[in-house]
């Protein structure tokens, strides 16, 4: 989980409303290509996401430790549907 600046440049060009940094999960066919040690911890994903959010000026809206994912957005709170 390196090169925050590089990711920020690419994301900054697209200006998406939401960005979802998440870990590789050691499941399915990917297990033939990558090992369990290639799967970053939630703490690593979270650290990367917070650095990315700071660099982009995005807000951290939510996260799931079990899924190893963090939701970033330009919005201050998520859009509620129905």
PDB file of N, CA and C in Angstrom:
ATOM      1  N   UNK A   1       0.852  -1.157   0.000  1.00  0.00           N
ATOM      2  CA  UNK A   1       0.000   0.000   0.000  1.00  0.00           C
ATOM      3  C   UNK A   1       0.904   1.228   0.000  1.00  0.00           C
ATOM      4  N   UNK A   2       1.523   1.410  -1.136  1.00  0.00           N
ATOM      5  CA  UNK A   2       2.451   2.517  -1.304  1.00  0.00           C
ATOM      6  C   UNK A   2       1.940   3.466  -2.379  1.00  0.00           C
ATOM      7  N   UNK A   3       2.697   4.509  -2.604  1.00  0.00           N
ATOM      8  CA  UNK A   3       2.452   5.474  -3.671  1.00  0.00           C
ATOM      9  C   UNK A   3       1.107   6.190  -3.542  1.00  0.00           C
ATOM     10  N   UNK A   4       0.845   6.730  -2.380  1.00  0.00           N
ATOM     11  CA  UNK A   4      -0.373   7.502  -2.155  1.00  0.00           C
ATOM     12  C   UNK A   4      -0.453   8.644  -3.163  1.00  0.00           C
ATOM     13  N   UNK A   5       0.666   9.301  -3.404  1.00  0.00           N
ATOM     14  CA  UNK A   5       0.682  10.431  -4.346  1.00  0.00           C
ATOM     15  C   UNK A   5       0.271  10.003  -5.749  1.00  0.00           C
ATOM     16  N   UNK A   6       0.770   8.861  -6.193  1.00  0.00           N
ATOM     17  CA  UNK A   6       0.425   8.358  -7.524  1.00  0.00           C
ATOM     18  C   UNK A   6      -1.064   8.062  -7.646  1.00  0.00           C
ATOM     19  N   UNK A   7      -1.608   7.386  -6.652  1.00  0.00           N
ATOM     20  CA  UNK A   7      -3.045   7.093  -6.657  1.00  0.00           C
ATOM     21  C   UNK A   7      -3.849   8.389  -6.593  1.00  0.00           C
ATOM     22  N   UNK A   8      -3.408   9.334  -5.785  1.00  0.00           N
ATOM     23  CA  UNK A   8      -4.114  10.611  -5.656  1.00  0.00           C
ATOM     24  C   UNK A   8      -4.137  11.362  -6.986  1.00  0.00           C
ATOM     25  N   UNK A   9      -3.051  11.302  -7.736  1.00  0.00           N
ATOM     26  CA  UNK A   9      -3.014  11.961  -9.052  1.00  0.00           C
ATOM     27  C   UNK A   9      -4.055  11.360  -9.994  1.00  0.00           C
ATOM     28  N   UNK A  10      -4.106  10.050 -10.057  1.00  0.00           N
ATOM     29  CA  UNK A  10      -5.053   9.380 -10.955  1.00  0.00           C
ATOM     30  C   UNK A  10      -6.495   9.654 -10.524  1.00  0.00           C
ATOM     31  N   UNK A  11      -6.773   9.504  -9.241  1.00  0.00           N
ATOM     32  CA  UNK A  11      -8.124   9.738  -8.725  1.00  0.00           C
ATOM     33  C   UNK A  11      -8.508  11.202  -8.900  1.00  0.00           C
ATOM     34  N   UNK A  12      -7.558  12.101  -8.669  1.00  0.00           N
ATOM     35  CA  UNK A  12      -7.813  13.533  -8.818  1.00  0.00           C
ATOM     36  C   UNK A  12      -8.210  13.918 -10.231  1.00  0.00           C
ATOM     37  N   UNK A  13      -7.680  13.233 -11.221  1.00  0.00           N
ATOM     38  CA  UNK A  13      -8.047  13.515 -12.622  1.00  0.00           C
ATOM     39  C   UNK A  13      -9.497  13.134 -12.898  1.00  0.00           C
ATOM     40  N   UNK A  14      -9.937  12.023 -12.336  1.00  0.00           N
ATOM     41  CA  UNK A  14     -11.298  11.537 -12.579  1.00  0.00           C
ATOM     42  C   UNK A  14     -12.338  12.232 -11.700  1.00  0.00           C
ATOM     43  N   UNK A  15     -11.925  12.718 -10.539  1.00  0.00           N
ATOM     44  CA  UNK A  15     -12.813  13.376  -9.573  1.00  0.00           C
ATOM     45  C   UNK A  15     -14.078  12.566  -9.270  1.00  0.00           C
ATOM     46  N   UNK A  16     -13.954  11.289  -8.907  1.00  0.00           N
ATOM     47  CA  UNK A  16     -15.147  10.498  -8.592  1.00  0.00           C
ATOM     48  C   UNK A  16     -15.779  10.945  -7.277  1.00  0.00           C
ATOM     49  N   UNK A  17     -17.065  10.728  -7.150  1.00  0.00           N
ATOM     50  CA  UNK A  17     -17.760  11.059  -5.909  1.00  0.00           C
ATOM     51  C   UNK A  17     -17.320  10.131  -4.789  1.00  0.00           C
ATOM     52  N   UNK A  18     -17.150   8.858  -5.116  1.00  0.00           N
ATOM     53  CA  UNK A  18     -16.752   7.856  -4.126  1.00  0.00           C
ATOM     54  C   UNK A  18     -15.480   7.131  -4.557  1.00  0.00           C
ATOM     55  N   UNK A  19     -14.656   6.783  -3.589  1.00  0.00           N
ATOM     56  CA  UNK A  19     -13.464   5.955  -3.802  1.00  0.00           C
ATOM     57  C   UNK A  19     -13.484   4.898  -2.698  1.00  0.00           C
ATOM     58  N   UNK A  20     -13.190   3.659  -3.072  1.00  0.00           N
ATOM     59  CA  UNK A  20     -13.270   2.569  -2.107  1.00  0.00           C
ATOM     60  C   UNK A  20     -11.960   1.783  -2.068  1.00  0.00           C
ATOM     61  N   UNK A  21     -10.953   2.285  -1.338  1.00  0.00           N
ATOM     62  CA  UNK A  21      -9.726   1.503  -1.188  1.00  0.00           C
ATOM     63  C   UNK A  21     -10.035   0.202  -0.447  1.00  0.00           C
ATOM     64  N   UNK A  22      -9.582  -0.898  -1.013  1.00  0.00           N
ATOM     65  CA  UNK A  22      -9.846  -2.178  -0.363  1.00  0.00           C
ATOM     66  C   UNK A  22      -8.713  -3.155  -0.608  1.00  0.00           C
ATOM     67  N   UNK A  23      -8.671  -4.172   0.220  1.00  0.00           N
ATOM     68  CA  UNK A  23      -7.605  -5.162   0.170  1.00  0.00           C
ATOM     69  C   UNK A  23      -7.897  -6.251  -0.849  1.00  0.00           C
ATOM     70  N   UNK A  24      -6.834  -6.833  -1.350  1.00  0.00           N
ATOM     71  CA  UNK A  24      -6.940  -8.091  -2.085  1.00  0.00           C
ATOM     72  C   UNK A  24      -7.400  -9.135  -1.082  1.00  0.00           C
ATOM     73  N   UNK A  25      -8.322  -9.984  -1.478  1.00  0.00           N
ATOM     74  CA  UNK A  25      -8.782 -11.054  -0.593  1.00  0.00           C
ATOM     75  C   UNK A  25      -8.316 -12.389  -1.159  1.00  0.00           C
ATOM     76  N   UNK A  26      -7.768 -13.211  -0.318  1.00  0.00           N
ATOM     77  CA  UNK A  26      -7.188 -14.502  -0.704  1.00  0.00           C
ATOM     78  C   UNK A  26      -8.296 -15.548  -0.859  1.00  0.00           C
ATOM     79  N   UNK A  27      -9.082 -15.408  -1.926  1.00  0.00           N
ATOM     80  CA  UNK A  27     -10.198 -16.325  -2.194  1.00  0.00           C
ATOM     81  C   UNK A  27     -10.238 -16.665  -3.683  1.00  0.00           C
ATOM     82  N   UNK A  28     -10.943 -17.724  -4.015  1.00  0.00           N
ATOM     83  CA  UNK A  28     -11.165 -18.094  -5.407  1.00  0.00           C
ATOM     84  C   UNK A  28      -9.895 -18.368  -6.186  1.00  0.00           C
ATOM     85  N   UNK A  29      -9.969 -18.103  -7.484  1.00  0.00           N
ATOM     86  CA  UNK A  29      -8.872 -18.398  -8.401  1.00  0.00           C
ATOM     87  C   UNK A  29      -7.607 -17.599  -8.076  1.00  0.00           C
ATOM     88  N   UNK A  30      -7.770 -16.441  -7.457  1.00  0.00           N
ATOM     89  CA  UNK A  30      -6.606 -15.601  -7.139  1.00  0.00           C
ATOM     90  C   UNK A  30      -5.596 -16.323  -6.250  1.00  0.00           C
ATOM     91  N   UNK A  31      -6.047 -17.330  -5.519  1.00  0.00           N
ATOM     92  CA  UNK A  31      -5.141 -18.079  -4.645  1.00  0.00           C
ATOM     93  C   UNK A  31      -4.060 -18.807  -5.437  1.00  0.00           C
ATOM     94  N   UNK A  32      -4.298 -19.030  -6.716  1.00  0.00           N
ATOM     95  CA  UNK A  32      -3.294 -19.685  -7.563  1.00  0.00           C
ATOM     96  C   UNK A  32      -2.181 -18.710  -7.961  1.00  0.00           C
ATOM     97  N   UNK A  33      -2.495 -17.407  -7.888  1.00  0.00           N
ATOM     98  CA  UNK A  33      -1.535 -16.393  -8.309  1.00  0.00           C
ATOM     99  C   UNK A  33      -0.859 -15.658  -7.159  1.00  0.00           C
ATOM    100  N   UNK A  34      -1.600 -15.456  -6.067  1.00  0.00           N
ATOM    101  CA  UNK A  34      -1.087 -14.681  -4.938  1.00  0.00           C
ATOM    102  C   UNK A  34      -1.246 -15.465  -3.646  1.00  0.00           C
ATOM    103  N   UNK A  35      -0.341 -15.236  -2.721  1.00  0.00           N
ATOM    104  CA  UNK A  35      -0.399 -15.923  -1.437  1.00  0.00           C
ATOM    105  C   UNK A  35      -1.160 -15.131  -0.392  1.00  0.00           C
ATOM    106  N   UNK A  36      -1.427 -15.776   0.735  1.00  0.00           N
ATOM    107  CA  UNK A  36      -2.117 -15.130   1.848  1.00  0.00           C
ATOM    108  C   UNK A  36      -1.344 -13.908   2.329  1.00  0.00           C
ATOM    109  N   UNK A  37      -0.027 -13.977   2.252  1.00  0.00           N
ATOM    110  CA  UNK A  37       0.811 -12.859   2.717  1.00  0.00           C
ATOM    111  C   UNK A  37       0.649 -11.608   1.852  1.00  0.00           C
ATOM    112  N   UNK A  38       0.054 -11.743   0.655  1.00  0.00           N
ATOM    113  CA  UNK A  38      -0.186 -10.603  -0.220  1.00  0.00           C
ATOM    114  C   UNK A  38      -1.425  -9.807   0.189  1.00  0.00           C
ATOM    115  N   UNK A  39      -2.200 -10.339   1.127  1.00  0.00           N
ATOM    116  CA  UNK A  39      -3.442  -9.701   1.545  1.00  0.00           C
ATOM    117  C   UNK A  39      -3.152  -8.698   2.663  1.00  0.00           C
ATOM    118  N   UNK A  40      -3.297  -7.382   2.388  1.00  0.00           N
ATOM    119  CA  UNK A  40      -3.028  -6.398   3.440  1.00  0.00           C
ATOM    120  C   UNK A  40      -4.065  -6.468   4.561  1.00  0.00           C
ATOM    121  N   UNK A  41      -3.653  -6.080   5.743  1.00  0.00           N
ATOM    122  CA  UNK A  41      -4.568  -6.039   6.887  1.00  0.00           C
ATOM    123  C   UNK A  41      -5.503  -4.838   6.750  1.00  0.00           C
ATOM    124  N   UNK A  42      -6.568  -4.848   7.535  1.00  0.00           N
ATOM    125  CA  UNK A  42      -7.467  -3.696   7.514  1.00  0.00           C
ATOM    126  C   UNK A  42      -6.735  -2.444   7.999  1.00  0.00           C
ATOM    127  N   UNK A  43      -5.851  -2.598   8.960  1.00  0.00           N
ATOM    128  CA  UNK A  43      -5.088  -1.449   9.466  1.00  0.00           C
ATOM    129  C   UNK A  43      -4.259  -0.817   8.348  1.00  0.00           C
ATOM    130  N   UNK A  44      -3.664  -1.642   7.498  1.00  0.00           N
ATOM    131  CA  UNK A  44      -2.877  -1.121   6.373  1.00  0.00           C
ATOM    132  C   UNK A  44      -3.770  -0.409   5.360  1.00  0.00           C
ATOM    133  N   UNK A  45      -4.916  -1.004   5.049  1.00  0.00           N
ATOM    134  CA  UNK A  45      -5.865  -0.386   4.113  1.00  0.00           C
ATOM    135  C   UNK A  45      -6.369   0.928   4.697  1.00  0.00           C
ATOM    136  N   UNK A  46      -6.685   0.925   5.973  1.00  0.00           N
ATOM    137  CA  UNK A  46      -7.201   2.120   6.655  1.00  0.00           C
ATOM    138  C   UNK A  46      -6.170   3.252   6.643  1.00  0.00           C
ATOM    139  N   UNK A  47      -4.937   2.922   6.957  1.00  0.00           N
ATOM    140  CA  UNK A  47      -3.863   3.921   6.956  1.00  0.00           C
ATOM    141  C   UNK A  47      -3.715   4.536   5.560  1.00  0.00           C
ATOM    142  N   UNK A  48      -3.693   3.686   4.542  1.00  0.00           N
ATOM    143  CA  UNK A  48      -3.590   4.151   3.158  1.00  0.00           C
ATOM    144  C   UNK A  48      -4.792   5.032   2.801  1.00  0.00           C
ATOM    145  N   UNK A  49      -5.995   4.596   3.164  1.00  0.00           N
ATOM    146  CA  UNK A  49      -7.215   5.336   2.842  1.00  0.00           C
ATOM    147  C   UNK A  49      -7.228   6.712   3.501  1.00  0.00           C
ATOM    148  N   UNK A  50      -6.816   6.785   4.756  1.00  0.00           N
ATOM    149  CA  UNK A  50      -6.796   8.073   5.452  1.00  0.00           C
ATOM    150  C   UNK A  50      -5.763   9.017   4.830  1.00  0.00           C
ATOM    151  N   UNK A  51      -4.628   8.491   4.420  1.00  0.00           N
ATOM    152  CA  UNK A  51      -3.624   9.313   3.735  1.00  0.00           C
ATOM    153  C   UNK A  51      -4.169   9.804   2.396  1.00  0.00           C
ATOM    154  N   UNK A  52      -4.846   8.928   1.680  1.00  0.00           N
ATOM    155  CA  UNK A  52      -5.436   9.280   0.397  1.00  0.00           C
ATOM    156  C   UNK A  52      -6.524  10.335   0.576  1.00  0.00           C
ATOM    157  N   UNK A  53      -7.372  10.158   1.579  1.00  0.00           N
ATOM    158  CA  UNK A  53      -8.441  11.120   1.859  1.00  0.00           C
ATOM    159  C   UNK A  53      -7.865  12.498   2.162  1.00  0.00           C
ATOM    160  N   UNK A  54      -6.823  12.531   2.956  1.00  0.00           N
ATOM    161  CA  UNK A  54      -6.185  13.808   3.299  1.00  0.00           C
ATOM    162  C   UNK A  54      -5.611  14.473   2.054  1.00  0.00           C
ATOM    163  N   UNK A  55      -4.955  13.700   1.233  1.00  0.00           N
ATOM    164  CA  UNK A  55      -4.325  14.234   0.017  1.00  0.00           C
ATOM    165  C   UNK A  55      -5.369  14.763  -0.973  1.00  0.00           C
ATOM    166  N   UNK A  56      -6.512  14.065  -1.070  1.00  0.00           N
ATOM    167  CA  UNK A  56      -7.557  14.435  -2.023  1.00  0.00           C
ATOM    168  C   UNK A  56      -8.569  15.433  -1.467  1.00  0.00           C
ATOM    169  N   UNK A  57      -8.604  15.596  -0.142  1.00  0.00           N
ATOM    170  CA  UNK A  57      -9.627  16.435   0.469  1.00  0.00           C
ATOM    171  C   UNK A  57     -10.970  15.717   0.546  1.00  0.00           C
ATOM    172  N   UNK A  58     -10.940  14.388   0.583  1.00  0.00           N
ATOM    173  CA  UNK A  58     -12.157  13.580   0.679  1.00  0.00           C
ATOM    174  C   UNK A  58     -12.465  13.281   2.141  1.00  0.00           C
ATOM    175  N   UNK A  59     -13.690  12.862   2.392  1.00  0.00           N
ATOM    176  CA  UNK A  59     -14.137  12.475   3.727  1.00  0.00           C
ATOM    177  C   UNK A  59     -14.170  10.959   3.840  1.00  0.00           C
ATOM    178  N   UNK A  60     -13.874  10.451   5.021  1.00  0.00           N
ATOM    179  CA  UNK A  60     -14.015   9.022   5.290  1.00  0.00           C
ATOM    180  C   UNK A  60     -15.445   8.827   5.777  1.00  0.00           C
ATOM    181  N   UNK A  61     -16.255   8.098   4.995  1.00  0.00           N
ATOM    182  CA  UNK A  61     -17.662   7.917   5.340  1.00  0.00           C
ATOM    183  C   UNK A  61     -17.947   6.637   6.107  1.00  0.00           C
ATOM    184  N   UNK A  62     -17.222   5.584   5.795  1.00  0.00           N
ATOM    185  CA  UNK A  62     -17.518   4.301   6.426  1.00  0.00           C
ATOM    186  C   UNK A  62     -16.351   3.350   6.200  1.00  0.00           C
ATOM    187  N   UNK A  63     -16.390   2.230   6.903  1.00  0.00           N
ATOM    188  CA  UNK A  63     -15.378   1.195   6.709  1.00  0.00           C
ATOM    189  C   UNK A  63     -15.910  -0.127   7.227  1.00  0.00           C
ATOM    190  N   UNK A  64     -15.329  -1.205   6.734  1.00  0.00           N
ATOM    191  CA  UNK A  64     -15.683  -2.544   7.195  1.00  0.00           C
ATOM    192  C   UNK A  64     -14.400  -3.313   7.452  1.00  0.00           C
ATOM    193  N   UNK A  65     -14.158  -3.606   8.714  1.00  0.00           N
ATOM    194  CA  UNK A  65     -12.942  -4.333   9.079  1.00  0.00           C
ATOM    195  C   UNK A  65     -12.936  -5.727   8.460  1.00  0.00           C
ATOM    196  N   UNK A  66     -14.086  -6.400   8.485  1.00  0.00           N
ATOM    197  CA  UNK A  66     -14.176  -7.762   7.952  1.00  0.00           C
ATOM    198  C   UNK A  66     -13.859  -7.813   6.458  1.00  0.00           C
ATOM    199  N   UNK A  67     -14.311  -6.800   5.721  1.00  0.00           N
ATOM    200  CA  UNK A  67     -14.092  -6.754   4.273  1.00  0.00           C
ATOM    201  C   UNK A  67     -12.804  -6.036   3.895  1.00  0.00           C
ATOM    202  N   UNK A  68     -12.167  -5.429   4.884  1.00  0.00           N
ATOM    203  CA  UNK A  68     -10.928  -4.681   4.654  1.00  0.00           C
ATOM    204  C   UNK A  68     -11.121  -3.605   3.584  1.00  0.00           C
ATOM    205  N   UNK A  69     -12.102  -2.743   3.829  1.00  0.00           N
ATOM    206  CA  UNK A  69     -12.453  -1.695   2.883  1.00  0.00           C
ATOM    207  C   UNK A  69     -12.801  -0.410   3.638  1.00  0.00           C
ATOM    208  N   UNK A  70     -12.516   0.734   2.996  1.00  0.00           N
ATOM    209  CA  UNK A  70     -12.839   2.052   3.544  1.00  0.00           C
ATOM    210  C   UNK A  70     -13.521   2.848   2.437  1.00  0.00           C
ATOM    211  N   UNK A  71     -14.601   3.542   2.761  1.00  0.00           N
ATOM    212  CA  UNK A  71     -15.337   4.342   1.786  1.00  0.00           C
ATOM    213  C   UNK A  71     -14.976   5.812   1.950  1.00  0.00           C
ATOM    214  N   UNK A  72     -14.455   6.405   0.881  1.00  0.00           N
ATOM    215  CA  UNK A  72     -14.116   7.827   0.845  1.00  0.00           C
ATOM    216  C   UNK A  72     -15.082   8.536  -0.092  1.00  0.00           C
ATOM    217  N   UNK A  73     -15.336   9.811   0.159  1.00  0.00           N
ATOM    218  CA  UNK A  73     -16.242  10.556  -0.706  1.00  0.00           C
ATOM    219  C   UNK A  73     -15.956  12.047  -0.663  1.00  0.00           C
ATOM    220  N   UNK A  74     -16.322  12.705  -1.745  1.00  0.00           N
ATOM    221  CA  UNK A  74     -16.295  14.164  -1.773  1.00  0.00           C
ATOM    222  C   UNK A  74     -17.442  14.714  -0.924  1.00  0.00           C
ATOM    223  N   UNK A  75     -18.481  13.904  -0.730  1.00  0.00           N
ATOM    224  CA  UNK A  75     -19.647  14.307   0.052  1.00  0.00           C
ATOM    225  C   UNK A  75     -19.340  14.194   1.544  1.00  0.00           C
ATOM    226  N   UNK A  76     -20.103  14.921   2.350  1.00  0.00           N
ATOM    227  CA  UNK A  76     -19.900  14.858   3.797  1.00  0.00           C
ATOM    228  C   UNK A  76     -20.622  13.683   4.432  1.00  0.00           C
ATOM    229  N   UNK A  77     -21.677  13.203   3.775  1.00  0.00           N
ATOM    230  CA  UNK A  77     -22.400  12.026   4.249  1.00  0.00           C
ATOM    231  C   UNK A  77     -22.928  11.274   3.029  1.00  0.00           C
ATOM    232  N   UNK A  78     -23.159   9.980   3.167  1.00  0.00           N
ATOM    233  CA  UNK A  78     -23.601   9.198   2.009  1.00  0.00           C
ATOM    234  C   UNK A  78     -24.997   9.592   1.546  1.00  0.00           C
ATOM    235  N   UNK A  79     -25.265   9.391   0.280  1.00  0.00           N
ATOM    236  CA  UNK A  79     -26.591   9.636  -0.281  1.00  0.00           C
ATOM    237  C   UNK A  79     -27.513   8.521   0.187  1.00  0.00           C
ATOM    238  N   UNK A  80     -28.643   8.882   0.757  1.00  0.00           N
ATOM    239  CA  UNK A  80     -29.634   7.897   1.211  1.00  0.00           C
ATOM    240  C   UNK A  80     -30.638   7.666   0.082  1.00  0.00           C
ATOM    241  N   UNK A  81     -30.858   6.412  -0.246  1.00  0.00           N
ATOM    242  CA  UNK A  81     -31.833   6.062  -1.276  1.00  0.00           C
ATOM    243  C   UNK A  81     -32.987   5.350  -0.587  1.00  0.00           C
ATOM    244  N   UNK A  82     -34.164   5.924  -0.724  1.00  0.00           N
ATOM    245  CA  UNK A  82     -35.409   5.415  -0.129  1.00  0.00           C
ATOM    246  C   UNK A  82     -35.311   5.258   1.302  1.00  0.00           C
TER     247      UNK A  82
END
